[in-house]
Amino acid sequence: MGYRVLIVDDSPAMRSVIRRVIVLSGFDLEECLEAEHGGEACRLLQERPVDVILTDINMPVMNGERFLEAIKADQSLEAIPVVVVSTDATEHRIRRMLELGAQGYVTKPFFPESLRGELERVLGVNYG
C-alpha cells in the first residue's frame, strides 16, 4: 500500500525535484499531487485525500504559515501530517512552523534519505 503525497511549492522545478527525490529514495509512493500555493492545495484537499503534505513557506496567494493555519482549522484536514521543506533554517522559523502544527521540517537542500526519513517518521512507518 503506497502513500499519497501532496507537494505544495510555487516553483515547478522544486516540486519536480522533491517528487524525484521521493521516488529515488525508495519511499512507498502511490500518488503524488502538486499545488502552487496553499490556496490551491486547500481546494485540492477537498477533492483528493492525501496521507502527508510537504509544503514550502514562501509562496504567493497563501504562504506556508497561512496554509498550516487553514489545515489546522479544518477538522477534515487537521490530522494530515505536514512536513515543511524550506531554505529557511532559522530556529525562529522552525519553531514557528512547528507551533502552527507542522510535524516535521526539512531544510533545502536535502539528501533523499533525510526527506524519506522525515516522511516515514511523521507517518509512523517502521520497516525495521
N, C-alpha and C. Protein backbone atom coordinates (compact mmCIF):
# COMPACT_ATOMS: atom_id res chain seq x y z
N MET A 1 0.84 -1.18 0.00
CA MET A 1 0.00 0.00 0.00
C MET A 1 0.88 1.24 0.00
N GLY A 2 0.80 2.03 -1.04
CA GLY A 2 1.61 3.23 -1.13
C GLY A 2 0.93 4.43 -0.48
N TYR A 3 1.67 5.49 -0.33
CA TYR A 3 1.18 6.71 0.29
C TYR A 3 0.88 7.77 -0.76
N ARG A 4 -0.11 8.60 -0.46
CA ARG A 4 -0.47 9.73 -1.31
C ARG A 4 0.15 10.98 -0.68
N VAL A 5 0.98 11.67 -1.47
CA VAL A 5 1.73 12.82 -1.00
C VAL A 5 1.30 14.06 -1.78
N LEU A 6 1.12 15.17 -1.09
CA LEU A 6 0.84 16.46 -1.73
C LEU A 6 2.06 17.35 -1.52
N ILE A 7 2.62 17.85 -2.64
CA ILE A 7 3.75 18.77 -2.61
C ILE A 7 3.22 20.17 -2.91
N VAL A 8 3.46 21.12 -2.01
CA VAL A 8 2.99 22.49 -2.17
C VAL A 8 4.21 23.40 -2.23
N ASP A 9 4.46 23.93 -3.43
CA ASP A 9 5.61 24.82 -3.64
C ASP A 9 5.34 25.64 -4.89
N ASP A 10 5.67 26.93 -4.86
CA ASP A 10 5.39 27.78 -6.01
C ASP A 10 6.35 27.55 -7.17
N SER A 11 7.41 26.81 -6.96
CA SER A 11 8.37 26.52 -8.02
C SER A 11 8.10 25.16 -8.65
N PRO A 12 7.71 25.14 -9.94
CA PRO A 12 7.51 23.85 -10.61
C PRO A 12 8.78 23.00 -10.60
N ALA A 13 9.93 23.63 -10.73
CA ALA A 13 11.20 22.89 -10.71
C ALA A 13 11.41 22.23 -9.35
N MET A 14 11.13 22.96 -8.26
CA MET A 14 11.32 22.38 -6.92
C MET A 14 10.32 21.25 -6.68
N ARG A 15 9.08 21.41 -7.13
CA ARG A 15 8.10 20.32 -6.99
C ARG A 15 8.61 19.08 -7.71
N SER A 16 9.18 19.26 -8.89
CA SER A 16 9.71 18.14 -9.66
C SER A 16 10.89 17.49 -8.94
N VAL A 17 11.78 18.31 -8.38
CA VAL A 17 12.92 17.78 -7.63
C VAL A 17 12.45 16.97 -6.43
N ILE A 18 11.52 17.51 -5.69
CA ILE A 18 11.02 16.81 -4.49
C ILE A 18 10.37 15.48 -4.90
N ARG A 19 9.57 15.51 -5.95
CA ARG A 19 8.93 14.28 -6.43
C ARG A 19 9.99 13.23 -6.80
N ARG A 20 11.02 13.68 -7.56
CA ARG A 20 12.08 12.76 -7.98
C ARG A 20 12.83 12.20 -6.78
N VAL A 21 13.12 13.06 -5.81
CA VAL A 21 13.84 12.62 -4.62
C VAL A 21 13.03 11.57 -3.85
N ILE A 22 11.72 11.79 -3.74
CA ILE A 22 10.86 10.82 -3.05
C ILE A 22 10.92 9.48 -3.76
N VAL A 23 10.81 9.49 -5.07
CA VAL A 23 10.85 8.25 -5.86
C VAL A 23 12.21 7.58 -5.72
N LEU A 24 13.29 8.36 -5.89
CA LEU A 24 14.64 7.80 -5.82
C LEU A 24 14.98 7.27 -4.43
N SER A 25 14.36 7.83 -3.40
CA SER A 25 14.66 7.39 -2.03
C SER A 25 14.08 6.02 -1.72
N GLY A 26 13.17 5.55 -2.58
CA GLY A 26 12.54 4.26 -2.33
C GLY A 26 11.31 4.34 -1.45
N PHE A 27 10.86 5.55 -1.14
CA PHE A 27 9.66 5.73 -0.34
C PHE A 27 8.48 5.09 -1.07
N ASP A 28 7.58 4.47 -0.33
CA ASP A 28 6.43 3.76 -0.91
C ASP A 28 5.37 4.75 -1.38
N LEU A 29 5.55 5.28 -2.58
CA LEU A 29 4.69 6.32 -3.13
C LEU A 29 3.64 5.72 -4.06
N GLU A 30 2.38 5.99 -3.75
CA GLU A 30 1.29 5.57 -4.62
C GLU A 30 0.90 6.68 -5.59
N GLU A 31 0.81 7.91 -5.05
CA GLU A 31 0.40 9.04 -5.87
C GLU A 31 1.03 10.31 -5.32
N CYS A 32 1.40 11.20 -6.24
CA CYS A 32 1.99 12.47 -5.84
C CYS A 32 1.20 13.59 -6.49
N LEU A 33 0.56 14.42 -5.67
CA LEU A 33 -0.21 15.57 -6.14
C LEU A 33 0.61 16.82 -5.93
N GLU A 34 0.32 17.88 -6.70
CA GLU A 34 1.08 19.11 -6.59
C GLU A 34 0.16 20.32 -6.57
N ALA A 35 0.59 21.36 -5.85
CA ALA A 35 -0.11 22.64 -5.81
C ALA A 35 0.92 23.75 -5.76
N GLU A 36 0.58 24.92 -6.36
CA GLU A 36 1.49 26.06 -6.42
C GLU A 36 1.52 26.89 -5.14
N HIS A 37 0.46 26.82 -4.36
CA HIS A 37 0.37 27.62 -3.13
C HIS A 37 -0.69 27.01 -2.23
N GLY A 38 -0.78 27.53 -1.02
CA GLY A 38 -1.70 26.99 -0.03
C GLY A 38 -3.15 27.02 -0.44
N GLY A 39 -3.58 28.07 -1.14
CA GLY A 39 -4.97 28.17 -1.57
C GLY A 39 -5.33 27.05 -2.54
N GLU A 40 -4.45 26.82 -3.50
CA GLU A 40 -4.68 25.73 -4.45
C GLU A 40 -4.66 24.38 -3.73
N ALA A 41 -3.77 24.23 -2.77
CA ALA A 41 -3.68 22.99 -2.00
C ALA A 41 -4.95 22.75 -1.20
N CYS A 42 -5.51 23.80 -0.59
CA CYS A 42 -6.76 23.65 0.18
C CYS A 42 -7.89 23.16 -0.72
N ARG A 43 -7.99 23.73 -1.91
CA ARG A 43 -9.03 23.28 -2.85
C ARG A 43 -8.81 21.82 -3.25
N LEU A 44 -7.58 21.47 -3.52
CA LEU A 44 -7.25 20.11 -3.92
C LEU A 44 -7.56 19.12 -2.81
N LEU A 45 -7.28 19.50 -1.57
CA LEU A 45 -7.51 18.61 -0.43
C LEU A 45 -9.00 18.34 -0.19
N GLN A 46 -9.87 19.22 -0.66
CA GLN A 46 -11.31 18.98 -0.54
C GLN A 46 -11.78 17.90 -1.51
N GLU A 47 -10.99 17.68 -2.57
CA GLU A 47 -11.36 16.70 -3.60
C GLU A 47 -10.59 15.39 -3.50
N ARG A 48 -9.34 15.47 -3.02
CA ARG A 48 -8.45 14.31 -3.04
C ARG A 48 -7.79 14.12 -1.68
N PRO A 49 -8.07 13.02 -1.01
CA PRO A 49 -7.40 12.77 0.28
C PRO A 49 -5.92 12.44 0.07
N VAL A 50 -5.10 12.87 1.01
CA VAL A 50 -3.67 12.54 0.99
C VAL A 50 -3.26 12.05 2.37
N ASP A 51 -2.11 11.38 2.39
CA ASP A 51 -1.58 10.85 3.65
C ASP A 51 -0.61 11.82 4.33
N VAL A 52 0.06 12.65 3.53
CA VAL A 52 1.06 13.57 4.07
C VAL A 52 1.21 14.75 3.11
N ILE A 53 1.56 15.90 3.69
CA ILE A 53 1.76 17.12 2.90
C ILE A 53 3.19 17.61 3.11
N LEU A 54 3.85 17.96 2.01
CA LEU A 54 5.15 18.62 2.04
C LEU A 54 4.92 20.04 1.55
N THR A 55 5.23 21.05 2.34
CA THR A 55 4.97 22.42 1.93
C THR A 55 6.15 23.35 2.14
N ASP A 56 6.29 24.27 1.19
CA ASP A 56 7.24 25.36 1.31
C ASP A 56 6.60 26.42 2.22
N ILE A 57 7.35 27.45 2.55
CA ILE A 57 6.81 28.54 3.36
C ILE A 57 6.51 29.76 2.50
N ASN A 58 7.50 30.21 1.75
CA ASN A 58 7.37 31.45 0.98
C ASN A 58 6.73 31.18 -0.37
N MET A 59 5.42 31.45 -0.45
CA MET A 59 4.65 31.25 -1.68
C MET A 59 3.66 32.40 -1.82
N PRO A 60 3.29 32.73 -3.05
CA PRO A 60 2.28 33.77 -3.24
C PRO A 60 0.88 33.24 -2.89
N VAL A 61 -0.09 34.10 -2.89
CA VAL A 61 -1.50 33.81 -2.65
C VAL A 61 -1.74 33.36 -1.21
N MET A 62 -1.26 32.18 -0.85
CA MET A 62 -1.35 31.70 0.54
C MET A 62 -0.02 31.05 0.88
N ASN A 63 0.73 31.67 1.80
CA ASN A 63 2.04 31.13 2.17
C ASN A 63 1.90 29.92 3.10
N GLY A 64 3.04 29.34 3.45
CA GLY A 64 3.03 28.14 4.27
C GLY A 64 2.43 28.32 5.65
N GLU A 65 2.65 29.47 6.27
CA GLU A 65 2.08 29.72 7.59
C GLU A 65 0.56 29.75 7.53
N ARG A 66 0.03 30.51 6.58
CA ARG A 66 -1.43 30.60 6.43
C ARG A 66 -2.02 29.25 6.03
N PHE A 67 -1.29 28.50 5.21
CA PHE A 67 -1.74 27.17 4.81
C PHE A 67 -1.85 26.25 6.03
N LEU A 68 -0.84 26.25 6.88
CA LEU A 68 -0.89 25.43 8.10
C LEU A 68 -2.07 25.84 8.98
N GLU A 69 -2.29 27.14 9.11
CA GLU A 69 -3.43 27.62 9.90
C GLU A 69 -4.75 27.12 9.32
N ALA A 70 -4.87 27.13 8.00
CA ALA A 70 -6.09 26.67 7.34
C ALA A 70 -6.30 25.17 7.55
N ILE A 71 -5.23 24.41 7.46
CA ILE A 71 -5.33 22.95 7.66
C ILE A 71 -5.78 22.65 9.09
N LYS A 72 -5.14 23.30 10.05
CA LYS A 72 -5.45 23.02 11.45
C LYS A 72 -6.84 23.51 11.85
N ALA A 73 -7.41 24.44 11.09
CA ALA A 73 -8.75 24.95 11.38
C ALA A 73 -9.85 24.09 10.75
N ASP A 74 -9.47 23.14 9.91
CA ASP A 74 -10.43 22.29 9.20
C ASP A 74 -10.39 20.88 9.80
N GLN A 75 -11.47 20.48 10.45
CA GLN A 75 -11.49 19.17 11.12
C GLN A 75 -11.23 18.01 10.18
N SER A 76 -11.60 18.16 8.91
CA SER A 76 -11.39 17.07 7.96
C SER A 76 -9.93 16.99 7.50
N LEU A 77 -9.13 18.01 7.78
CA LEU A 77 -7.73 18.04 7.33
C LEU A 77 -6.71 18.04 8.46
N GLU A 78 -7.13 18.40 9.66
CA GLU A 78 -6.18 18.65 10.75
C GLU A 78 -5.31 17.47 11.14
N ALA A 79 -5.74 16.25 10.83
CA ALA A 79 -4.94 15.08 11.20
C ALA A 79 -3.87 14.72 10.18
N ILE A 80 -3.86 15.38 9.03
CA ILE A 80 -2.87 15.08 8.00
C ILE A 80 -1.51 15.62 8.45
N PRO A 81 -0.49 14.77 8.51
CA PRO A 81 0.83 15.26 8.90
C PRO A 81 1.41 16.19 7.83
N VAL A 82 2.05 17.26 8.29
CA VAL A 82 2.66 18.25 7.39
C VAL A 82 4.14 18.35 7.70
N VAL A 83 4.95 18.28 6.64
CA VAL A 83 6.39 18.48 6.75
C VAL A 83 6.73 19.72 5.95
N VAL A 84 7.39 20.68 6.58
CA VAL A 84 7.82 21.89 5.90
C VAL A 84 9.15 21.59 5.21
N VAL A 85 9.27 22.01 3.95
CA VAL A 85 10.51 21.87 3.18
C VAL A 85 10.89 23.27 2.74
N SER A 86 11.93 23.84 3.38
CA SER A 86 12.24 25.26 3.17
C SER A 86 13.73 25.52 3.21
N THR A 87 14.14 26.63 2.58
CA THR A 87 15.52 27.07 2.68
C THR A 87 15.77 27.81 3.99
N ASP A 88 14.72 28.20 4.68
CA ASP A 88 14.84 28.96 5.93
C ASP A 88 15.14 27.99 7.08
N ALA A 89 16.39 28.03 7.54
CA ALA A 89 16.82 27.13 8.61
C ALA A 89 16.95 27.83 9.95
N THR A 90 16.37 29.03 10.08
CA THR A 90 16.49 29.75 11.34
C THR A 90 15.65 29.07 12.42
N GLU A 91 16.18 29.12 13.64
CA GLU A 91 15.48 28.50 14.77
C GLU A 91 14.09 29.10 14.96
N HIS A 92 13.99 30.42 14.78
CA HIS A 92 12.70 31.10 14.93
C HIS A 92 11.67 30.55 13.95
N ARG A 93 12.05 30.41 12.68
CA ARG A 93 11.11 29.93 11.65
C ARG A 93 10.71 28.48 11.91
N ILE A 94 11.67 27.65 12.23
CA ILE A 94 11.36 26.24 12.50
C ILE A 94 10.40 26.14 13.68
N ARG A 95 10.69 26.86 14.76
CA ARG A 95 9.82 26.83 15.94
C ARG A 95 8.42 27.32 15.59
N ARG A 96 8.33 28.39 14.81
CA ARG A 96 7.03 28.96 14.42
C ARG A 96 6.20 27.94 13.63
N MET A 97 6.82 27.27 12.67
CA MET A 97 6.09 26.31 11.84
C MET A 97 5.64 25.10 12.68
N LEU A 98 6.46 24.67 13.61
CA LEU A 98 6.07 23.56 14.48
C LEU A 98 4.94 23.99 15.41
N GLU A 99 4.98 25.23 15.88
CA GLU A 99 3.89 25.75 16.72
C GLU A 99 2.57 25.80 15.96
N LEU A 100 2.65 26.06 14.65
CA LEU A 100 1.45 26.13 13.82
C LEU A 100 0.91 24.74 13.46
N GLY A 101 1.66 23.70 13.80
CA GLY A 101 1.15 22.35 13.58
C GLY A 101 1.95 21.46 12.66
N ALA A 102 3.04 21.97 12.08
CA ALA A 102 3.88 21.10 11.26
C ALA A 102 4.48 20.02 12.16
N GLN A 103 4.54 18.80 11.64
CA GLN A 103 5.13 17.70 12.41
C GLN A 103 6.59 17.48 12.08
N GLY A 104 7.05 18.08 10.98
CA GLY A 104 8.44 17.91 10.58
C GLY A 104 8.95 19.11 9.81
N TYR A 105 10.28 19.16 9.66
CA TYR A 105 10.91 20.29 8.97
C TYR A 105 12.18 19.78 8.31
N VAL A 106 12.28 19.98 7.00
CA VAL A 106 13.46 19.58 6.24
C VAL A 106 14.00 20.83 5.56
N THR A 107 15.30 21.06 5.68
CA THR A 107 15.92 22.24 5.10
C THR A 107 16.49 21.92 3.72
N LYS A 108 16.17 22.79 2.75
CA LYS A 108 16.74 22.67 1.41
C LYS A 108 18.15 23.25 1.44
N PRO A 109 19.09 22.66 0.73
CA PRO A 109 19.00 21.39 0.02
C PRO A 109 19.03 20.23 1.01
N PHE A 110 18.51 19.10 0.59
CA PHE A 110 18.41 17.95 1.48
C PHE A 110 18.85 16.69 0.75
N PHE A 111 19.19 15.68 1.52
CA PHE A 111 19.53 14.38 0.98
C PHE A 111 18.25 13.55 0.86
N PRO A 112 18.15 12.68 -0.14
CA PRO A 112 16.97 11.82 -0.27
C PRO A 112 16.65 11.06 1.02
N GLU A 113 17.68 10.59 1.70
CA GLU A 113 17.47 9.81 2.92
C GLU A 113 16.83 10.65 4.02
N SER A 114 17.19 11.93 4.10
CA SER A 114 16.62 12.77 5.15
C SER A 114 15.15 13.06 4.87
N LEU A 115 14.80 13.27 3.61
CA LEU A 115 13.39 13.50 3.27
C LEU A 115 12.58 12.23 3.51
N ARG A 116 13.10 11.11 3.05
CA ARG A 116 12.41 9.84 3.27
C ARG A 116 12.26 9.55 4.77
N GLY A 117 13.31 9.78 5.52
CA GLY A 117 13.26 9.54 6.96
C GLY A 117 12.21 10.39 7.65
N GLU A 118 12.10 11.64 7.23
CA GLU A 118 11.11 12.53 7.84
C GLU A 118 9.70 12.10 7.46
N LEU A 119 9.50 11.71 6.20
CA LEU A 119 8.19 11.20 5.77
C LEU A 119 7.80 9.97 6.58
N GLU A 120 8.72 9.04 6.70
CA GLU A 120 8.43 7.82 7.46
C GLU A 120 8.17 8.11 8.93
N ARG A 121 8.92 9.07 9.49
CA ARG A 121 8.74 9.40 10.91
C ARG A 121 7.34 9.96 11.16
N VAL A 122 6.92 10.95 10.35
CA VAL A 122 5.62 11.57 10.60
C VAL A 122 4.46 10.64 10.28
N LEU A 123 4.70 9.66 9.42
CA LEU A 123 3.65 8.69 9.08
C LEU A 123 3.67 7.47 10.00
N GLY A 124 4.70 7.36 10.85
CA GLY A 124 4.80 6.23 11.75
C GLY A 124 5.16 4.93 11.05
N VAL A 125 5.90 5.06 9.94
CA VAL A 125 6.30 3.87 9.17
C VAL A 125 7.53 3.27 9.83
N ASN A 126 7.50 1.96 10.00
CA ASN A 126 8.63 1.28 10.60
C ASN A 126 8.96 0.06 9.78
N TYR A 127 10.07 0.12 9.04
CA TYR A 127 10.49 -1.02 8.21
C TYR A 127 11.39 -1.97 8.97
N GLY A 128 11.70 -1.65 10.23
CA GLY A 128 12.61 -2.48 11.00
C GLY A 128 12.05 -3.81 11.23
